[in-house]
C-alpha atoms as a PDB file:
ATOM      1  CA  MET A   1       6.426 134.740 -82.998  1.00  0.00           C
ATOM      2  CA  THR A   2       9.815 134.872 -81.844  1.00  0.00           C
ATOM      3  CA  LEU A   3      12.327 131.854 -81.476  1.00  0.00           C
ATOM      4  CA  THR A   4      11.906 131.010 -78.096  1.00  0.00           C
ATOM      5  CA  ARG A   5       8.485 130.974 -78.215  1.00  0.00           C
ATOM      6  CA  ARG A   6       8.508 128.791 -81.724  1.00  0.00           C
ATOM      7  CA  LEU A   7      10.461 126.159 -79.491  1.00  0.00           C
ATOM      8  CA  PHE A   8       9.064 126.373 -76.578  1.00  0.00           C
ATOM      9  CA  ALA A   9       5.885 125.750 -78.631  1.00  0.00           C
ATOM     10  CA  ALA A  10       7.541 122.956 -79.966  1.00  0.00           C
ATOM     11  CA  LEU A  11       9.006 121.325 -77.551  1.00  0.00           C
ATOM     12  CA  ALA A  12       5.150 121.634 -75.484  1.00  0.00           C
ATOM     13  CA  ALA A  13       3.911 119.770 -78.623  1.00  0.00           C
ATOM     14  CA  THR A  14       6.838 117.428 -78.561  1.00  0.00           C
ATOM     15  CA  THR A  15       6.258 116.727 -74.918  1.00  0.00           C
ATOM     16  CA  LEU A  16       2.332 116.223 -75.303  1.00  0.00           C
ATOM     17  CA  LEU A  17       2.748 113.877 -77.904  1.00  0.00           C
ATOM     18  CA  ALA A  18       5.188 111.652 -75.729  1.00  0.00           C
ATOM     19  CA  ALA A  19       2.748 112.076 -72.800  1.00  0.00           C
ATOM     20  CA  PRO A  20       1.180 108.812 -72.139  1.00  0.00           C
ATOM     21  CA  ALA A  21      -2.610 108.478 -72.940  1.00  0.00           C
ATOM     22  CA  LEU A  22      -4.622 109.086 -70.467  1.00  0.00           C
ATOM     23  CA  ALA A  23      -8.156 106.807 -69.955  1.00  0.00           C
ATOM     24  CA  THR A  24     -11.129 108.480 -69.347  1.00  0.00           C
ATOM     25  CA  ASP A  25     -13.186 106.242 -66.956  1.00  0.00           C
ATOM     26  CA  LEU A  26     -17.222 106.105 -67.449  1.00  0.00           C
ATOM     27  CA  GLN A  27     -18.089 106.152 -64.300  1.00  0.00           C
ATOM     28  CA  ALA A  28     -16.036 109.655 -63.960  1.00  0.00           C
ATOM     29  CA  VAL A  29     -17.769 111.155 -67.026  1.00  0.00           C
ATOM     30  CA  ARG A  30     -21.122 110.244 -65.062  1.00  0.00           C
ATOM     31  CA  ASP A  31     -19.664 111.806 -61.976  1.00  0.00           C
ATOM     32  CA  ALA A  32     -19.216 115.221 -63.871  1.00  0.00           C
ATOM     33  CA  GLY A  33     -22.314 115.697 -65.694  1.00  0.00           C
ATOM     34  CA  THR A  34     -20.786 115.782 -68.645  1.00  0.00           C
ATOM     35  CA  ILE A  35     -18.513 114.700 -71.354  1.00  0.00           C
ATOM     36  CA  ARG A  36     -16.194 116.466 -72.981  1.00  0.00           C
ATOM     37  CA  VAL A  37     -16.304 115.995 -77.035  1.00  0.00           C
ATOM     38  CA  GLY A  38     -13.848 116.856 -79.578  1.00  0.00           C
ATOM     39  CA  MET A  39     -15.231 118.088 -82.989  1.00  0.00           C
ATOM     40  CA  LEU A  40     -13.995 119.841 -85.857  1.00  0.00           C
ATOM     41  CA  VAL A  41     -15.747 122.810 -86.481  1.00  0.00           C
ATOM     42  CA  ASP A  42     -14.533 123.438 -90.142  1.00  0.00           C
ATOM     43  CA  PHE A  43     -15.919 120.654 -91.807  1.00  0.00           C
ATOM     44  CA  PRO A  44     -19.579 121.290 -93.181  1.00  0.00           C
ATOM     45  CA  PRO A  45     -22.328 119.582 -92.623  1.00  0.00           C
ATOM     46  CA  PHE A  46     -20.221 117.331 -89.964  1.00  0.00           C
ATOM     47  CA  GLY A  47     -18.766 120.414 -87.872  1.00  0.00           C
ATOM     48  CA  ILE A  48     -19.382 123.902 -88.355  1.00  0.00           C
ATOM     49  CA  GLN A  49     -20.688 126.907 -86.455  1.00  0.00           C
ATOM     50  CA  ASP A  50     -24.004 128.531 -86.835  1.00  0.00           C
ATOM     51  CA  ALA A  51     -24.791 131.929 -86.647  1.00  0.00           C
ATOM     52  CA  SER A  52     -23.798 132.430 -83.401  1.00  0.00           C
ATOM     53  CA  GLY A  53     -20.377 130.888 -83.491  1.00  0.00           C
ATOM     54  CA  THR A  54     -21.886 127.552 -81.607  1.00  0.00           C
ATOM     55  CA  PRO A  55     -20.196 124.650 -82.841  1.00  0.00           C
ATOM     56  CA  ASP A  56     -23.149 122.395 -85.019  1.00  0.00           C
ATOM     57  CA  GLY A  57     -23.997 119.735 -87.823  1.00  0.00           C
ATOM     58  CA  TYR A  58     -23.553 116.418 -88.019  1.00  0.00           C
ATOM     59  CA  ASP A  59     -21.364 114.999 -85.113  1.00  0.00           C
ATOM     60  CA  ALA A  60     -22.650 118.022 -82.802  1.00  0.00           C
ATOM     61  CA  ASP A  61     -26.034 116.225 -83.304  1.00  0.00           C
ATOM     62  CA  VAL A  62     -24.058 112.814 -83.022  1.00  0.00           C
ATOM     63  CA  ALA A  63     -22.192 114.295 -79.559  1.00  0.00           C
ATOM     64  CA  LYS A  64     -25.709 115.271 -77.945  1.00  0.00           C
ATOM     65  CA  ALA A  65     -27.268 112.192 -78.753  1.00  0.00           C
ATOM     66  CA  LEU A  66     -24.701 110.389 -76.876  1.00  0.00           C
ATOM     67  CA  ALA A  67     -24.789 112.462 -73.887  1.00  0.00           C
ATOM     68  CA  GLU A  68     -28.219 111.909 -73.549  1.00  0.00           C
ATOM     69  CA  HIS A  69     -27.805 108.548 -74.109  1.00  0.00           C
ATOM     70  CA  LEU A  70     -25.109 108.138 -71.104  1.00  0.00           C
ATOM     71  CA  GLY A  71     -27.003 110.799 -68.718  1.00  0.00           C
ATOM     72  CA  VAL A  72     -24.751 113.514 -69.052  1.00  0.00           C
ATOM     73  CA  GLU A  73     -24.429 117.105 -70.536  1.00  0.00           C
ATOM     74  CA  ALA A  74     -22.176 117.846 -73.882  1.00  0.00           C
ATOM     75  CA  GLN A  75     -19.479 119.730 -73.971  1.00  0.00           C
ATOM     76  CA  ILE A  76     -18.345 120.482 -77.147  1.00  0.00           C
ATOM     77  CA  VAL A  77     -14.530 121.445 -77.334  1.00  0.00           C
ATOM     78  CA  PRO A  78     -13.500 122.023 -81.088  1.00  0.00           C
ATOM     79  CA  VAL A  79     -10.444 120.849 -82.524  1.00  0.00           C
ATOM     80  CA  THR A  80      -8.225 121.049 -85.886  1.00  0.00           C
ATOM     81  CA  GLY A  81      -7.520 117.521 -87.810  1.00  0.00           C
ATOM     82  CA  PRO A  82      -3.664 117.674 -86.873  1.00  0.00           C
ATOM     83  CA  ASN A  83      -4.447 118.274 -83.056  1.00  0.00           C
ATOM     84  CA  ARG A  84      -7.975 115.920 -82.602  1.00  0.00           C
ATOM     85  CA  ILE A  85      -5.495 112.658 -81.809  1.00  0.00           C
ATOM     86  CA  PRO A  86      -3.508 114.561 -78.955  1.00  0.00           C
ATOM     87  CA  TYR A  87      -6.503 116.138 -77.600  1.00  0.00           C
ATOM     88  CA  LEU A  88      -7.497 113.090 -76.531  1.00  0.00           C
ATOM     89  CA  LEU A  89      -4.876 111.131 -75.854  1.00  0.00           C
ATOM     90  CA  SER A  90      -3.797 114.115 -73.129  1.00  0.00           C
ATOM     91  CA  GLY A  91      -7.374 113.941 -71.325  1.00  0.00           C
ATOM     92  CA  GLN A  92      -8.238 117.228 -72.520  1.00  0.00           C
ATOM     93  CA  VAL A  93     -11.042 115.532 -74.354  1.00  0.00           C
ATOM     94  CA  ASP A  94     -12.922 112.132 -73.446  1.00  0.00           C
ATOM     95  CA  VAL A  95     -13.976 111.060 -77.199  1.00  0.00           C
ATOM     96  CA  LEU A  96     -13.857 112.228 -79.974  1.00  0.00           C
ATOM     97  CA  VAL A  97     -16.937 112.516 -82.869  1.00  0.00           C
ATOM     98  CA  ALA A  98     -14.362 114.760 -85.142  1.00  0.00           C
ATOM     99  CA  SER A  99     -15.327 112.340 -88.713  1.00  0.00           C
ATOM    100  CA  LEU A 100     -12.117 110.746 -87.537  1.00  0.00           C
ATOM    101  CA  GLY A 101     -11.818 108.705 -90.646  1.00  0.00           C
ATOM    102  CA  ILE A 102     -10.983 104.754 -89.265  1.00  0.00           C
ATOM    103  CA  THR A 103      -8.285 102.884 -90.336  1.00  0.00           C
ATOM    104  CA  ALA A 104      -5.580 100.573 -89.458  1.00  0.00           C
ATOM    105  CA  GLU A 105      -2.678 103.547 -89.186  1.00  0.00           C
ATOM    106  CA  ARG A 106      -5.138 105.368 -86.221  1.00  0.00           C
ATOM    107  CA  ALA A 107      -6.220 102.595 -84.699  1.00  0.00           C
ATOM    108  CA  GLU A 108      -2.695 101.703 -83.714  1.00  0.00           C
ATOM    109  CA  ARG A 109      -3.249 104.974 -81.328  1.00  0.00           C
ATOM    110  CA  VAL A 110      -6.895 105.271 -80.292  1.00  0.00           C
ATOM    111  CA  ASP A 111      -9.660 103.113 -79.988  1.00  0.00           C
ATOM    112  CA  PHE A 112     -12.806 103.257 -82.482  1.00  0.00           C
ATOM    113  CA  SER A 113     -16.684 102.501 -81.645  1.00  0.00           C
ATOM    114  CA  ILE A 114     -18.292 100.543 -84.410  1.00  0.00           C
ATOM    115  CA  PRO A 115     -18.779 103.370 -87.063  1.00  0.00           C
ATOM    116  CA  TYR A 116     -21.739 105.795 -86.981  1.00  0.00           C
ATOM    117  CA  ALA A 117     -20.929 107.622 -90.335  1.00  0.00           C
ATOM    118  CA  GLY A 118     -19.437 107.408 -93.411  1.00  0.00           C
ATOM    119  CA  ILE A 119     -18.049 109.449 -96.670  1.00  0.00           C
ATOM    120  CA  ALA A 120     -18.503 108.226 -99.975  1.00  0.00           C
ATOM    121  CA  ILE A 121     -17.323 109.044-103.014  1.00  0.00           C
ATOM    122  CA  GLY A 122     -19.791 108.414-106.089  1.00  0.00           C
ATOM    123  CA  VAL A 123     -20.528 109.514-109.494  1.00  0.00           C
ATOM    124  CA  TYR A 124     -23.755 112.326-109.699  1.00  0.00           C
ATOM    125  CA  GLY A 125     -25.265 113.563-112.710  1.00  0.00           C
ATOM    126  CA  GLY A 126     -28.134 115.411-113.904  1.00  0.00           C
ATOM    127  CA  THR A 127     -31.486 113.534-113.626  1.00  0.00           C
ATOM    128  CA  ASP A 128     -32.147 113.230-117.276  1.00  0.00           C
ATOM    129  CA  VAL A 129     -28.785 111.575-117.929  1.00  0.00           C
ATOM    130  CA  ALA A 130     -28.645 107.649-118.003  1.00  0.00           C
ATOM    131  CA  VAL A 131     -25.419 106.422-116.112  1.00  0.00           C
ATOM    132  CA  ALA A 132     -26.346 103.188-113.803  1.00  0.00           C
ATOM    133  CA  GLY A 133     -22.694 101.890-113.503  1.00  0.00           C
ATOM    134  CA  PRO A 134     -19.287 102.626-114.839  1.00  0.00           C
ATOM    135  CA  GLU A 135     -20.306 101.332-118.799  1.00  0.00           C
ATOM    136  CA  ASP A 136     -22.372 103.561-119.325  1.00  0.00           C
ATOM    137  CA  LEU A 137     -19.717 106.919-118.921  1.00  0.00           C
ATOM    138  CA  ALA A 138     -18.285 105.981-122.117  1.00  0.00           C
ATOM    139  CA  GLY A 139     -19.624 108.930-124.487  1.00  0.00           C
ATOM    140  CA  LYS A 140     -19.961 111.287-121.893  1.00  0.00           C
ATOM    141  CA  SER A 141     -17.679 113.474-119.951  1.00  0.00           C
ATOM    142  CA  ILE A 142     -16.650 114.155-116.465  1.00  0.00           C
ATOM    143  CA  ALA A 143     -15.400 116.317-114.202  1.00  0.00           C
ATOM    144  CA  VAL A 144     -13.705 115.613-111.329  1.00  0.00           C
ATOM    145  CA  ALA A 145     -10.941 117.654-109.072  1.00  0.00           C
ATOM    146  CA  ARG A 146      -7.372 116.777-110.166  1.00  0.00           C
ATOM    147  CA  ALA A 147      -5.393 114.642-107.932  1.00  0.00           C
ATOM    148  CA  SER A 148      -8.517 113.884-105.386  1.00  0.00           C
ATOM    149  CA  THR A 149      -9.596 110.180-104.865  1.00  0.00           C
ATOM    150  CA  GLN A 150     -12.309 110.472-107.007  1.00  0.00           C
ATOM    151  CA  ASP A 151     -10.296 112.031-109.461  1.00  0.00           C
ATOM    152  CA  THR A 152      -8.631 108.643-109.124  1.00  0.00           C
ATOM    153  CA  GLY A 153     -11.709 106.314-108.607  1.00  0.00           C
ATOM    154  CA  VAL A 154     -13.038 107.753-111.770  1.00  0.00           C
ATOM    155  CA  THR A 155      -9.705 107.230-113.439  1.00  0.00           C
ATOM    156  CA  GLU A 156      -9.632 103.336-112.620  1.00  0.00           C
ATOM    157  CA  VAL A 157     -13.718 102.979-113.786  1.00  0.00           C
ATOM    158  CA  ALA A 158     -14.014 104.681-116.413  1.00  0.00           C
ATOM    159  CA  PRO A 159     -14.121 103.017-119.894  1.00  0.00           C
ATOM    160  CA  GLU A 160     -12.967 104.094-123.373  1.00  0.00           C
ATOM    161  CA  GLY A 161     -14.667 106.730-124.700  1.00  0.00           C
ATOM    162  CA  THR A 162     -15.379 108.441-121.780  1.00  0.00           C
ATOM    163  CA  GLU A 163     -14.334 112.305-121.428  1.00  0.00           C
ATOM    164  CA  ILE A 164     -12.450 113.045-118.089  1.00  0.00           C
ATOM    165  CA  ARG A 165     -12.144 116.526-117.762  1.00  0.00           C
ATOM    166  CA  ARG A 166      -9.977 117.590-114.563  1.00  0.00           C
ATOM    167  CA  PHE A 167     -10.325 121.001-112.683  1.00  0.00           C
ATOM    168  CA  ASP A 168      -8.336 122.481-110.215  1.00  0.00           C
ATOM    169  CA  ASP A 169     -10.922 121.711-107.823  1.00  0.00           C
ATOM    170  CA  ASP A 170     -13.825 120.624-106.016  1.00  0.00           C
ATOM    171  CA  ALA A 171     -15.424 123.933-106.416  1.00  0.00           C
ATOM    172  CA  THR A 172     -14.556 124.728-109.757  1.00  0.00           C
ATOM    173  CA  ALA A 173     -15.357 121.234-110.778  1.00  0.00           C
ATOM    174  CA  VAL A 174     -19.637 121.895-109.766  1.00  0.00           C
ATOM    175  CA  GLN A 175     -19.346 124.770-111.566  1.00  0.00           C
ATOM    176  CA  ALA A 176     -18.724 122.854-114.924  1.00  0.00           C
ATOM    177  CA  LEU A 177     -21.589 120.451-113.257  1.00  0.00           C
ATOM    178  CA  MET A 178     -24.249 123.108-112.889  1.00  0.00           C
ATOM    179  CA  SER A 179     -23.104 125.756-116.030  1.00  0.00           C
ATOM    180  CA  GLY A 180     -24.031 122.293-118.166  1.00  0.00           C
ATOM    181  CA  GLN A 181     -20.074 122.002-119.645  1.00  0.00           C
ATOM    182  CA  VAL A 182     -20.220 118.569-118.304  1.00  0.00           C
ATOM    183  CA  GLN A 183     -22.860 115.747-117.656  1.00  0.00           C
ATOM    184  CA  THR A 184     -21.386 113.957-114.284  1.00  0.00           C
ATOM    185  CA  ILE A 185     -19.102 114.668-111.657  1.00  0.00           C
ATOM    186  CA  GLY A 186     -17.324 112.534-109.827  1.00  0.00           C
ATOM    187  CA  LEU A 187     -17.811 113.729-106.193  1.00  0.00           C
ATOM    188  CA  SER A 188     -18.238 112.917-101.969  1.00  0.00           C
ATOM    189  CA  ASN A 189     -21.685 113.285-100.735  1.00  0.00           C
ATOM    190  CA  VAL A 190     -20.781 115.618 -98.268  1.00  0.00           C
ATOM    191  CA  VAL A 191     -20.158 117.913-101.641  1.00  0.00           C
ATOM    192  CA  PHE A 192     -23.235 117.277-102.920  1.00  0.00           C
ATOM    193  CA  SER A 193     -25.228 117.608-100.238  1.00  0.00           C
ATOM    194  CA  GLN A 194     -24.157 120.949-100.787  1.00  0.00           C
ATOM    195  CA  ILE A 195     -25.506 121.380-104.447  1.00  0.00           C
ATOM    196  CA  SER A 196     -28.609 120.081-103.837  1.00  0.00           C
ATOM    197  CA  GLY A 197     -29.444 122.493-101.024  1.00  0.00           C
ATOM    198  CA  VAL A 198     -28.892 124.788-104.079  1.00  0.00           C
ATOM    199  CA  ALA A 199     -30.064 122.410-107.035  1.00  0.00           C
ATOM    200  CA  GLY A 200     -32.382 121.388-105.514  1.00  0.00           C
ATOM    201  CA  ASP A 201     -33.727 117.917-107.983  1.00  0.00           C
ATOM    202  CA  ARG A 202     -31.749 118.736-110.815  1.00  0.00           C
ATOM    203  CA  PHE A 203     -28.946 116.045-110.101  1.00  0.00           C
ATOM    204  CA  ASP A 204     -28.495 112.601-107.950  1.00  0.00           C
ATOM    205  CA  LYS A 205     -25.774 109.959-107.202  1.00  0.00           C
ATOM    206  CA  LYS A 206     -25.222 107.028-110.332  1.00  0.00           C
ATOM    207  CA  PHE A 207     -23.500 105.013-108.748  1.00  0.00           C
ATOM    208  CA  ASP A 208     -20.853 104.529-106.102  1.00  0.00           C
ATOM    209  CA  LEU A 209     -17.391 104.686-105.599  1.00  0.00           C
ATOM    210  CA  SER A 210     -15.250 104.543-102.516  1.00  0.00           C
ATOM    211  CA  SER A 211     -16.222 105.060 -98.850  1.00  0.00           C
ATOM    212  CA  GLN A 212     -14.313 105.234 -95.582  1.00  0.00           C
ATOM    213  CA  VAL A 213     -16.417 104.730 -92.510  1.00  0.00           C
ATOM    214  CA  GLN A 214     -16.225 107.165 -89.727  1.00  0.00           C
ATOM    215  CA  GLY A 215     -15.514 105.674 -85.526  1.00  0.00           C
ATOM    216  CA  ILE A 216     -16.394 107.855 -82.195  1.00  0.00           C
ATOM    217  CA  ALA A 217     -12.847 107.616 -80.343  1.00  0.00           C
ATOM    218  CA  VAL A 218     -11.495 107.376 -77.272  1.00  0.00           C
ATOM    219  CA  ALA A 219      -8.409 107.106 -75.646  1.00  0.00           C
ATOM    220  CA  PRO A 220      -6.907 103.451 -75.538  1.00  0.00           C
ATOM    221  CA  ASP A 221      -7.992 101.108 -72.023  1.00  0.00           C
ATOM    222  CA  SER A 222     -11.460 103.536 -71.821  1.00  0.00           C
ATOM    223  CA  ASP A 223     -13.805  99.986 -72.308  1.00  0.00           C
ATOM    224  CA  ALA A 224     -16.314 100.826 -70.097  1.00  0.00           C
ATOM    225  CA  LEU A 225     -16.685 103.517 -71.990  1.00  0.00           C
ATOM    226  CA  LEU A 226     -16.424 102.619 -75.159  1.00  0.00           C
ATOM    227  CA  GLU A 227     -18.449 100.039 -74.672  1.00  0.00           C
ATOM    228  CA  GLU A 228     -21.380 102.213 -73.570  1.00  0.00           C
ATOM    229  CA  ILE A 229     -20.376 104.503 -77.312  1.00  0.00           C
ATOM    230  CA  ASN A 230     -21.206 101.012 -79.077  1.00  0.00           C
ATOM    231  CA  ALA A 231     -24.346 100.513 -77.715  1.00  0.00           C
ATOM    232  CA  PHE A 232     -25.198 103.782 -78.455  1.00  0.00           C
ATOM    233  CA  VAL A 233     -24.536 103.617 -82.041  1.00  0.00           C
ATOM    234  CA  THR A 234     -26.048 100.645 -82.529  1.00  0.00           C
ATOM    235  CA  ALA A 235     -29.281 101.891 -80.786  1.00  0.00           C
ATOM    236  CA  SER A 236     -29.221 104.860 -83.024  1.00  0.00           C
ATOM    237  CA  ARG A 237     -28.556 102.983 -85.954  1.00  0.00           C
ATOM    238  CA  GLU A 238     -31.585 100.395 -85.318  1.00  0.00           C
ATOM    239  CA  ASP A 239     -33.915 103.260 -83.883  1.00  0.00           C
ATOM    240  CA  GLY A 240     -33.338 105.543 -87.031  1.00  0.00           C
ATOM    241  CA  THR A 241     -31.744 108.358 -84.608  1.00  0.00           C
ATOM    242  CA  LEU A 242     -28.929 107.969 -87.422  1.00  0.00           C
ATOM    243  CA  ASP A 243     -31.065 108.257 -90.299  1.00  0.00           C
ATOM    244  CA  THR A 244     -32.405 111.184 -89.405  1.00  0.00           C
ATOM    245  CA  ILE A 245     -29.391 113.186 -88.431  1.00  0.00           C
ATOM    246  CA  HIS A 246     -28.214 111.865 -91.231  1.00  0.00           C
ATOM    247  CA  GLU A 247     -31.069 112.995 -93.535  1.00  0.00           C
ATOM    248  CA  LYS A 248     -30.868 116.642 -91.616  1.00  0.00           C
ATOM    249  CA  TRP A 249     -27.288 117.225 -92.657  1.00  0.00           C
ATOM    250  CA  LEU A 250     -26.933 115.304 -95.854  1.00  0.00           C
ATOM    251  CA  GLY A 251     -30.495 114.881 -97.334  1.00  0.00           C
ATOM    252  CA  GLU A 252     -30.031 110.644 -97.117  1.00  0.00           C
ATOM    253  CA  PRO A 253     -30.328 107.963 -94.394  1.00  0.00           C
ATOM    254  CA  LEU A 254     -27.459 107.090 -93.404  1.00  0.00           C
ATOM    255  CA  PRO A 255     -25.828 104.968 -96.071  1.00  0.00           C
ATOM    256  CA  ASP A 256     -25.866 101.273 -96.140  1.00  0.00           C
ATOM    257  CA  PHE A 257     -22.324 100.649 -96.055  1.00  0.00           C
ATOM    258  CA  VAL A 258     -22.468 102.590 -92.702  1.00  0.00           C
ATOM    259  CA  LYS A 259     -25.298 100.123 -91.358  1.00  0.00           C
ATOM    260  CA  THR A 260     -23.826  96.893 -91.722  1.00  0.00           C
ATOM    261  CA  ALA A 261     -20.170  98.156 -90.640  1.00  0.00           C
ATOM    262  CA  GLN A 262     -18.578  97.215 -87.625  1.00  0.00           C
END
């Protein structure tokens, strides 16, 4: 890319970020018959692309269910982690169903629905390994990705006598578990769902370390749309829709910490 093109791209990005947020009108969405949903397609199993290149995954199923609730069609627009909020605020999408964790900093820029999903960090291990809580890690080995959230969580709760083995990433930590080098592992439920697909019933969750909930995001002042989204999430929690989607993609019902979060 030439210097001129780089400068133009930087200027365009700055202008996009500085522009006022564009609220989405619910009636306009219904009149159009389509809701444009920003979604990650590189964060399995929440966002992926199937063999034909079509967006798929947990978030895609939620987006389609939301569209059905609103009586419109879902138009899924692939976004990335860095550009998903700018896409929303500039009006390029109407909502984000994009694995967006609810944080105070993000809530200053967008409005969040009540949680529809969550990521839990926990300790997992062989079904024959007796671990029910942190105290049971004493005398046992546990793998973690170095400097990760799970590394921090395990280090905080592990009692004296726990052998914490740190690896460069989740993949090598998982390999250590699968090969029997360690008895347990600190991991997100997202990664564990991938292990379960390969290892079957060899491993199970022992206990949770931490969690973060995710919300559907709209631009500020999209009040009527947000109200309908909250109605959708509430109904989907209660009628089992989210349980079914979560079971499909992560192998277990929607976690209680999501069901009770407001």
